Protein backbone atom coordinates (compact mmCIF):
# COMPACT_ATOMS: atom_id res chain seq x y z
CA MET A 1 33.74 -4.39 -4.31
CA ALA A 2 31.23 -1.17 -3.87
CA ASP A 3 31.93 1.03 -1.12
CA LEU A 4 29.33 1.08 1.01
CA ARG A 5 30.78 3.78 3.33
CA SER A 6 28.33 6.27 3.79
CA ASP A 7 28.44 10.03 4.60
CA PHE A 8 25.18 11.77 5.54
CA ILE A 9 25.18 15.29 6.19
CA GLY A 10 28.83 15.20 7.07
CA ILE A 11 27.87 12.29 9.65
CA LYS A 12 29.95 9.36 8.43
CA SER A 13 29.41 5.57 9.03
CA PRO A 14 30.74 2.38 7.79
CA ASN A 15 27.54 1.33 5.82
CA PRO A 16 24.30 2.87 5.45
CA PHE A 17 22.43 0.71 7.60
CA TRP A 18 21.20 2.87 11.31
CA LEU A 19 18.96 1.98 13.63
CA ALA A 20 16.08 3.61 14.37
CA SER A 21 15.05 5.25 17.62
CA ALA A 22 13.19 2.43 19.37
CA PRO A 23 13.12 0.01 22.04
CA PRO A 24 16.40 -1.91 20.37
CA THR A 25 18.83 0.94 20.72
CA ASP A 26 17.31 2.18 24.54
CA LYS A 27 20.33 1.01 26.06
CA GLU A 28 24.02 1.19 25.89
CA TYR A 29 24.00 -2.71 26.20
CA ASN A 30 21.80 -3.21 22.92
CA VAL A 31 24.12 -0.32 21.07
CA ARG A 32 27.07 -2.03 21.65
CA ARG A 33 25.83 -5.61 20.64
CA ALA A 34 24.38 -3.70 17.89
CA TYR A 35 27.61 -1.98 16.37
CA GLU A 36 29.60 -5.27 16.87
CA ALA A 37 26.93 -7.16 14.57
CA GLY A 38 27.68 -4.33 11.72
CA TRP A 39 25.14 -1.65 12.21
CA GLY A 40 26.94 1.53 10.30
CA GLY A 41 24.94 3.80 13.06
CA VAL A 42 22.31 3.94 15.51
CA VAL A 43 19.58 6.69 16.72
CA TRP A 44 19.18 6.43 20.01
CA LYS A 45 15.81 5.54 21.84
CA THR A 46 14.02 9.06 22.53
CA LEU A 47 15.04 11.12 25.44
CA GLY A 48 12.80 13.31 27.26
CA SER A 49 13.28 16.25 29.33
CA GLU A 50 15.27 16.03 33.09
CA GLY A 51 12.99 15.46 35.62
CA PRO A 52 11.03 12.23 36.80
CA PRO A 53 11.38 9.62 34.07
CA VAL A 54 8.05 8.95 31.58
CA VAL A 55 5.86 5.74 32.59
CA ASN A 56 5.40 2.80 30.37
CA VAL A 57 2.71 0.67 31.07
CA ASN A 58 3.53 -2.70 32.75
CA GLY A 59 2.28 -5.32 30.84
CA PRO A 60 2.32 -6.03 26.73
CA ARG A 61 3.02 -3.05 24.32
CA TYR A 62 2.75 -4.67 20.94
CA GLY A 63 0.06 -5.87 18.91
CA ALA A 64 0.92 -7.63 15.44
CA ILE A 65 -0.23 -8.18 12.08
CA TRP A 66 1.09 -11.89 10.41
CA GLY A 67 1.15 -13.19 6.97
CA ALA A 68 -0.77 -16.77 6.49
CA ASP A 69 2.53 -18.29 7.26
CA ARG A 70 3.28 -16.67 10.60
CA ARG A 71 5.68 -14.06 9.26
CA LEU A 72 5.50 -10.81 10.77
CA LEU A 73 4.44 -8.09 8.44
CA GLY A 74 3.62 -5.17 11.10
CA LEU A 75 3.40 -4.16 15.04
CA ASN A 76 1.94 -2.30 16.73
CA ASN A 77 3.58 -0.20 19.79
CA ILE A 78 2.20 1.70 22.60
CA GLU A 79 5.65 2.16 24.00
CA LEU A 80 6.36 5.45 25.11
CA ILE A 81 9.64 7.37 24.62
CA THR A 82 12.70 5.93 27.13
CA ASP A 83 11.58 5.21 30.57
CA ARG A 84 15.18 5.50 31.88
CA PRO A 85 16.40 8.76 33.18
CA LEU A 86 17.86 11.13 30.97
CA GLU A 87 21.57 11.42 33.00
CA VAL A 88 22.10 7.79 33.06
CA ASN A 89 21.07 7.61 28.62
CA LEU A 90 23.51 10.17 28.14
CA ARG A 91 26.61 8.73 30.36
CA GLU A 92 25.67 5.43 28.84
CA MET A 93 25.49 7.16 24.88
CA LYS A 94 29.04 9.35 26.01
CA ALA A 95 30.94 5.96 26.62
CA VAL A 96 29.68 4.12 23.24
CA LYS A 97 30.50 6.91 21.33
CA ARG A 98 34.12 6.71 23.23
CA ASP A 99 34.32 3.48 22.37
CA TYR A 100 33.34 3.18 18.53
CA PRO A 101 33.99 6.45 17.06
CA ASP A 102 34.06 5.60 13.48
CA ARG A 103 29.78 4.72 13.74
CA ALA A 104 27.05 7.13 14.10
CA LEU A 105 25.46 7.91 17.07
CA ILE A 106 22.01 9.60 16.99
CA ALA A 107 20.13 11.48 19.94
CA SER A 108 16.23 11.27 19.40
CA ILE A 109 14.98 13.86 21.50
CA MET A 110 11.10 14.75 22.32
CA VAL A 111 10.44 17.70 24.57
CA PRO A 112 8.01 20.18 25.32
CA CYS A 113 7.10 22.59 22.49
CA GLU A 114 8.82 25.29 24.82
CA GLU A 115 11.73 27.30 23.37
CA GLU A 116 13.46 26.62 26.87
CA ALA A 117 12.94 23.24 27.21
CA TRP A 118 14.78 22.45 23.96
CA LYS A 119 17.35 24.95 25.01
CA ALA A 120 18.29 22.95 28.01
CA ILE A 121 18.56 19.74 26.91
CA LEU A 122 21.03 20.30 23.52
CA PRO A 123 23.72 21.03 25.51
CA HIS A 124 23.59 17.98 27.43
CA VAL A 125 23.38 16.17 24.32
CA GLU A 126 26.44 18.05 22.86
CA GLU A 127 28.30 16.56 25.69
CA THR A 128 28.18 13.30 24.94
CA GLY A 129 29.90 13.36 21.64
CA ALA A 130 26.34 13.06 19.31
CA ASP A 131 27.01 13.26 15.96
CA GLY A 132 23.92 14.96 15.61
CA ILE A 133 20.18 15.04 16.79
CA GLU A 134 16.82 13.94 15.57
CA LEU A 135 13.50 15.41 16.63
CA ASN A 136 10.98 13.26 16.80
CA PHE A 137 7.89 14.78 15.61
CA GLY A 138 6.54 11.40 14.61
CA CYS A 139 5.01 9.66 17.54
CA PRO A 140 1.54 9.24 17.66
CA HIS A 141 0.28 7.82 20.90
CA GLY A 142 0.85 9.05 24.25
CA MET A 143 2.87 11.81 23.97
CA ALA A 144 1.02 13.10 21.22
CA GLU A 145 -1.67 13.28 23.65
CA ARG A 146 0.66 15.68 25.76
CA GLY A 147 1.47 17.81 22.67
CA MET A 148 4.45 16.31 22.01
CA GLY A 149 5.15 14.22 18.90
CA SER A 150 2.78 14.09 16.04
CA ALA A 151 0.94 16.65 17.83
CA VAL A 152 4.08 18.89 16.81
CA GLY A 153 4.26 16.82 13.36
CA GLN A 154 1.23 17.69 12.13
CA VAL A 155 1.77 21.36 12.16
CA PRO A 156 4.20 22.67 9.83
CA GLU A 157 4.92 26.04 12.02
CA TYR A 158 5.85 24.18 15.22
CA ILE A 159 7.71 21.98 12.86
CA GLU A 160 10.02 25.17 11.58
CA MET A 161 9.96 26.82 15.22
CA VAL A 162 11.15 24.21 16.76
CA THR A 163 13.52 23.35 14.04
CA ARG A 164 14.91 26.84 14.17
CA TRP A 165 15.58 27.04 18.11
CA CYS A 166 17.60 23.64 17.60
CA LYS A 167 19.74 24.90 14.80
CA MET A 168 20.24 28.00 16.85
CA TYR A 169 21.44 26.07 20.07
CA THR A 170 23.26 23.31 18.71
CA ARG A 171 26.60 22.75 16.61
CA MET A 172 25.08 19.17 15.75
CA PRO A 173 23.66 18.40 12.52
CA VAL A 174 19.08 18.68 12.80
CA ILE A 175 17.55 15.73 11.34
CA VAL A 176 13.88 16.05 12.00
CA LYS A 177 11.70 13.31 11.87
CA LEU A 178 8.24 13.46 10.37
CA THR A 179 4.88 11.82 11.03
CA PRO A 180 3.14 9.59 8.30
CA ASN A 181 -0.35 10.43 9.91
CA ILE A 182 -0.59 13.91 7.77
CA THR A 183 -2.58 14.45 4.47
CA ASN A 184 0.18 15.65 2.70
CA VAL A 185 3.75 15.16 3.52
CA ILE A 186 5.87 18.14 1.86
CA TYR A 187 4.20 20.84 3.88
CA PRO A 188 6.16 19.60 7.16
CA ALA A 189 8.66 18.71 4.39
CA GLU A 190 9.28 22.36 3.44
CA ALA A 191 8.43 23.54 7.22
CA ALA A 192 11.53 21.60 8.26
CA LYS A 193 13.71 22.86 5.49
CA ARG A 194 12.64 26.38 6.49
CA GLY A 195 13.34 26.29 9.74
CA GLY A 196 17.37 25.31 8.58
CA ALA A 197 16.92 21.43 8.97
CA ASP A 198 20.45 19.54 7.65
CA ALA A 199 18.06 16.40 7.02
CA VAL A 200 14.33 15.04 7.21
CA SER A 201 13.68 11.08 8.58
CA LEU A 202 10.76 9.36 7.45
CA ILE A 203 8.10 7.67 8.05
CA ASN A 204 7.59 7.51 12.21
CA THR A 205 4.99 5.07 12.97
CA ILE A 206 1.36 5.26 11.66
CA ASN A 207 -1.61 5.75 13.84
CA SER A 208 -3.33 2.29 14.15
CA ILE A 209 -5.27 -0.35 15.84
CA THR A 210 -3.63 -3.79 14.40
CA SER A 211 -6.76 -5.98 16.22
CA VAL A 212 -9.59 -6.33 18.59
CA ASP A 213 -9.51 -9.18 21.28
CA LEU A 214 -13.23 -10.84 20.39
CA ASP A 215 -13.59 -12.24 23.58
CA LEU A 216 -12.21 -9.30 25.60
CA PHE A 217 -14.08 -6.48 22.73
CA ALA A 218 -11.09 -4.63 23.48
CA PRO A 219 -7.75 -3.39 21.13
CA GLU A 220 -5.10 -5.28 21.51
CA PRO A 221 -2.28 -5.48 23.05
CA THR A 222 -4.97 -5.03 25.71
CA ILE A 223 -4.16 -3.53 29.47
CA ASP A 224 -6.21 -4.72 32.18
CA GLY A 225 -9.27 -5.18 29.68
CA LYS A 226 -8.68 -1.55 27.50
CA GLY A 227 -6.67 -1.23 24.80
CA THR A 228 -5.31 2.03 22.76
CA HIS A 229 -4.25 3.25 19.48
CA GLY A 230 -0.75 2.77 18.71
CA GLY A 231 1.90 2.95 16.04
CA TYR A 232 2.26 0.75 13.45
CA CYS A 233 5.45 -0.02 11.64
CA GLY A 234 6.95 -3.35 9.99
CA PRO A 235 6.33 -4.54 6.18
CA ALA A 236 3.21 -3.50 5.73
CA VAL A 237 4.21 0.19 6.20
CA LYS A 238 7.09 0.28 3.48
CA PRO A 239 4.61 1.27 0.08
CA ILE A 240 3.51 4.50 2.35
CA ALA A 241 7.12 5.11 3.57
CA LEU A 242 8.25 4.78 -0.13
CA ASN A 243 6.03 7.39 -1.98
CA MET A 244 6.28 9.73 0.84
CA VAL A 245 10.19 9.75 0.59
CA ALA A 246 9.77 10.17 -3.16
CA GLU A 247 7.27 12.87 -2.93
CA ILE A 248 9.48 14.51 -0.76
CA ALA A 249 12.66 13.74 -3.16
CA ARG A 250 10.92 15.10 -6.47
CA ASN A 251 9.11 18.05 -5.10
CA PRO A 252 11.25 21.28 -6.19
CA GLU A 253 10.75 22.80 -3.05
CA THR A 254 12.59 19.74 -0.82
CA HIS A 255 14.38 18.22 -4.05
CA GLY A 256 17.96 17.91 -2.39
CA LEU A 257 16.91 17.87 1.27
CA PRO A 258 18.70 15.11 2.62
CA ILE A 259 16.60 11.99 2.96
CA SER A 260 16.77 9.38 6.48
CA GLY A 261 14.51 6.42 4.84
CA ILE A 262 12.42 4.70 7.50
CA GLY A 263 9.34 2.20 7.19
CA GLY A 264 9.57 -1.50 6.76
CA VAL A 265 13.16 -1.89 5.79
CA THR A 266 13.66 -5.63 5.99
CA THR A 267 16.46 -6.65 3.52
CA TRP A 268 18.75 -4.88 1.27
CA ARG A 269 16.23 -4.78 -1.38
CA ASP A 270 14.26 -2.74 0.80
CA ALA A 271 16.88 -0.82 1.43
CA ALA A 272 18.05 -0.03 -2.02
CA GLU A 273 14.63 0.72 -3.11
CA PHE A 274 14.57 3.54 -0.57
CA LEU A 275 18.30 4.93 -1.54
CA ALA A 276 16.78 4.94 -5.31
CA LEU A 277 14.20 6.85 -4.33
CA GLY A 278 16.19 9.53 -3.00
CA ALA A 279 16.84 8.14 0.41
CA GLY A 280 20.66 9.21 1.48
CA ASN A 281 20.59 6.00 3.97
CA VAL A 282 17.87 3.91 5.92
CA GLN A 283 17.29 3.31 9.16
CA VAL A 284 15.49 -0.13 10.80
CA CYS A 285 13.74 -1.33 13.31
CA THR A 286 10.97 -4.06 13.06
CA ALA A 287 13.59 -6.34 11.15
CA ALA A 288 15.89 -6.21 13.51
CA MET A 289 13.06 -6.85 16.73
CA THR A 290 12.25 -9.86 14.24
CA TYR A 291 15.21 -11.31 13.57
CA GLY A 292 17.93 -10.33 16.19
CA PHE A 293 20.95 -7.78 15.18
CA LYS A 294 22.74 -10.07 12.65
CA VAL A 295 20.19 -9.11 10.03
CA VAL A 296 22.27 -6.25 9.14
CA GLN A 297 24.62 -8.64 8.09
CA GLU A 298 22.50 -10.14 5.16
CA MET A 299 21.81 -6.35 4.45
CA ILE A 300 25.15 -5.16 4.18
CA SER A 301 26.44 -8.16 1.79
CA GLY A 302 23.12 -8.28 -0.39
CA LEU A 303 23.53 -4.40 -1.42
CA SER A 304 26.89 -5.10 -1.93
CA GLU A 305 26.43 -7.86 -4.28
CA TYR A 306 23.84 -5.67 -5.98
CA MET A 307 25.88 -2.73 -6.46
CA ASP A 308 28.68 -4.62 -7.89
CA GLU A 309 26.48 -6.22 -10.44
CA LYS A 310 25.27 -2.64 -11.19
CA GLY A 311 28.76 -1.56 -11.58
CA LEU A 312 28.34 1.20 -8.96
CA THR A 313 30.98 1.84 -6.76
CA SER A 314 29.46 3.78 -4.01
CA VAL A 315 26.23 4.40 -2.21
CA ASP A 316 25.88 7.88 -3.74
CA GLN A 317 25.77 6.41 -7.07
CA LEU A 318 22.65 4.62 -6.19
CA VAL A 319 20.85 7.27 -3.94
CA GLY A 320 17.85 9.03 -6.28
CA ARG A 321 18.61 6.65 -9.32
CA ALA A 322 14.68 6.21 -9.55
CA VAL A 323 13.20 9.58 -8.57
CA PRO A 324 13.53 10.77 -12.62
CA ASN A 325 11.01 8.09 -13.29
CA VAL A 326 8.59 8.94 -10.57
CA THR A 327 5.58 11.00 -12.11
CA ASP A 328 2.13 12.26 -11.74
CA TRP A 329 -0.73 9.81 -13.60
CA ASN A 330 -1.43 12.55 -16.16
CA GLN A 331 2.12 12.14 -17.58
CA LEU A 332 1.99 8.49 -17.97
CA ASN A 333 1.96 7.26 -21.42
CA LEU A 334 -1.55 6.11 -22.75
CA ASN A 335 -0.12 5.04 -26.09
CA TYR A 336 1.93 1.78 -24.36
CA VAL A 337 -0.19 -1.37 -24.79
CA ALA A 338 0.97 -4.82 -23.07
CA LYS A 339 -0.88 -7.82 -22.51
CA ALA A 340 -0.01 -10.77 -20.68
CA LYS A 341 1.71 -13.86 -20.90
CA ILE A 342 0.94 -17.52 -19.48
CA ASP A 343 4.10 -19.66 -19.29
CA GLN A 344 3.05 -23.13 -19.83
CA ASP A 345 5.86 -24.66 -18.54
CA LEU A 346 5.65 -23.01 -15.54
CA CYS A 347 1.78 -23.30 -14.88
CA ILE A 348 0.71 -25.35 -12.18
CA SER A 349 -2.47 -25.46 -13.20
CA CYS A 350 -4.14 -23.48 -9.41
CA GLY A 351 -6.43 -21.76 -11.87
CA ARG A 352 -6.04 -18.37 -9.62
CA CYS A 353 -5.13 -16.24 -12.39
CA PHE A 354 -8.39 -17.37 -13.88
CA ALA A 355 -10.59 -16.68 -10.71
CA ALA A 356 -9.34 -13.47 -10.35
CA CYS A 357 -9.65 -12.13 -13.73
CA GLU A 358 -13.16 -13.90 -14.77
CA ASP A 359 -14.78 -12.43 -11.14
CA THR A 360 -12.91 -9.30 -10.55
CA SER A 361 -11.53 -8.29 -13.85
CA HIS A 362 -11.94 -8.14 -17.22
CA GLN A 363 -12.46 -11.71 -18.21
CA ALA A 364 -9.33 -12.26 -20.59
CA ILE A 365 -8.07 -15.68 -19.57
CA ALA A 366 -9.48 -18.91 -20.69
CA MET A 367 -9.62 -21.98 -19.27
CA SER A 368 -9.57 -25.77 -20.96
CA GLU A 369 -11.29 -28.75 -20.19
CA ASP A 370 -8.04 -30.13 -19.08
CA ARG A 371 -6.73 -26.73 -17.33
CA THR A 372 -5.21 -25.50 -19.49
CA PHE A 373 -4.94 -21.47 -19.09
CA THR A 374 -4.78 -18.94 -21.83
CA VAL A 375 -4.64 -15.16 -22.62
CA ILE A 376 -7.77 -13.74 -24.39
CA GLU A 377 -5.33 -11.13 -26.00
CA GLU A 378 -8.99 -8.93 -27.31
CA GLU A 379 -10.17 -8.21 -23.56
CA CYS A 380 -6.97 -8.40 -21.67
CA VAL A 381 -6.11 -4.64 -20.78
CA ALA A 382 -2.57 -5.63 -18.82
CA CYS A 383 -3.95 -4.70 -15.30
CA ASN A 384 -1.18 -7.45 -13.72
CA LEU A 385 -3.87 -8.87 -11.22
CA CYS A 386 -3.16 -11.98 -12.84
CA VAL A 387 0.78 -11.74 -12.23
CA ASN A 388 0.09 -10.63 -8.72
CA VAL A 389 -1.95 -13.77 -7.74
CA CYS A 390 -0.34 -16.44 -9.31
CA PRO A 391 1.68 -18.50 -6.87
CA VAL A 392 4.51 -18.96 -9.40
CA GLU A 393 7.13 -16.71 -10.14
CA ASP A 394 7.43 -15.52 -13.22
CA CYS A 395 4.81 -17.74 -14.76
CA ILE A 396 2.67 -15.15 -16.04
CA SER A 397 4.54 -11.80 -17.13
CA MET A 398 3.52 -8.49 -18.78
CA GLU A 399 4.90 -8.29 -22.87
CA GLU A 400 4.78 -4.67 -24.39
CA LEU A 401 3.56 -4.50 -27.75
CA ALA A 402 5.92 -3.65 -30.51
CA ALA A 403 4.72 -0.41 -32.30
CA GLY A 404 3.08 -0.99 -35.84
CA THR A 405 1.13 -4.13 -33.92
CA THR A 406 -2.68 -4.15 -33.37
CA ASP A 407 -4.30 -4.05 -30.50
CA LEU A 408 -6.76 -6.67 -30.58
CA ARG A 409 -8.74 -5.38 -28.07
CA THR A 410 -9.19 -1.65 -29.47
CA GLY A 411 -8.17 -2.44 -33.23
CA LYS A 412 -5.85 0.03 -32.93
CA THR A 413 -2.32 0.27 -34.24
CA VAL A 414 0.43 0.42 -31.47
CA THR A 415 2.25 3.75 -32.58
CA PRO A 416 5.62 4.27 -31.06
CA ASP A 417 4.61 8.13 -30.19
CA TYR A 418 4.44 9.25 -26.53
CA ALA A 419 1.04 10.63 -25.53
CA ASN A 420 -0.30 11.34 -22.14
CA TRP A 421 -3.90 12.74 -20.63
CA THR A 422 -3.16 16.29 -20.97
CA THR A 423 -3.23 15.66 -24.88
CA HIS A 424 -6.01 12.97 -24.82
CA PRO A 425 -9.01 13.36 -26.78
CA ASN A 426 -10.84 12.50 -24.52
CA ASN A 427 -9.57 14.80 -21.91
CA PRO A 428 -12.49 17.79 -21.22
CA SER A 429 -9.76 20.48 -20.99
CA VAL A 430 -7.57 19.34 -23.96
CA HIS A 431 -11.25 20.75 -25.88
CA ALA A 432 -12.33 23.43 -23.12
CA VAL A 433 -13.60 26.44 -24.76
CA GLU A 434 -11.91 30.08 -23.68
CA PRO A 435 -14.40 32.21 -22.20
CA ALA A 436 -15.84 35.04 -24.13
CA GLU A 437 -14.17 38.81 -23.60
């Protein structure tokens, strides 16, 4: 049986599934229930400075996006960091760590971008026995307007500076949580590494407005007739998160920098995808808020069975396996040719593939009078749209043309040779004339 034990930057946990810093990790009661349900670690909801607690709204805090079956695809969150006193959180963290020494406990922290503020809070966090800290440089609402959260995470120089402070004033491993609300995630990741970060975690929530109440004409969730932007999370953000994790994993300057993957992890498969793209573990929030803490049990059993099938004995053997296969567009093999194929035994004659291809793609699917759908190979460019709109899994597939066969669309013989855009005859740069001396 696969060994799911995790050692992430020296922080040990029985599995790679951590709860992200969010409402589910705001108090001792929740965290104890999470550990009992099987979570390997918890990132405690973000702590602020000593003094008057943060004030949250006393009304709706979430907006939502649903699929056609009412399945929750995304949440918009306008809640701020913990609104409970710092000393209460610290006392509870210490008690939890004492009773669950084998589980990871990370303290998420967000204080003003001043050296003294960070210097002051770190010793208190150390006294709890926490295994590490996560610097919240990602929150896009409320705190960002106060010069914290993503206001720091969008400025690489600030990231590097605060990370250096934390490495100076604490023995604990430092994880820097990055914001996705930036043009290129590589720059903040590199800044975190320069500052001495032991790891980065990403993504934090995406700045968003999920919907508008068309009676009140205000964004939702609505507070006394007004709404605001918030942080978007859930299954819908997973593609963005996967891309950013992969970019950091394959960037020469940050390759090897440990990554905690966050963003839409709902199933074991989601987690495996993050791990394969370079994450050393994953953090989960929306799935737990949707299905409860015991959702982790499916994640644990599913990942274990998958690893057994693949002959992987440890999580480390999965981490980064897909990174070498992530490349830039100009490196893709332009000599690779595929065609769509429809399995007539599985086809239910709904016509979605025909409508999509005929109206919006390449007119490569024919429909007979008895509603039999077939591929017109002379027109098929293998765009995969028909596969994605078909409601029957595996009914339509893409099949590679063997070397030596003829592509009926181009009339050319398929070659086994690899060729990409950098050498393609249509690339103007290939034939660029050297300037005269």
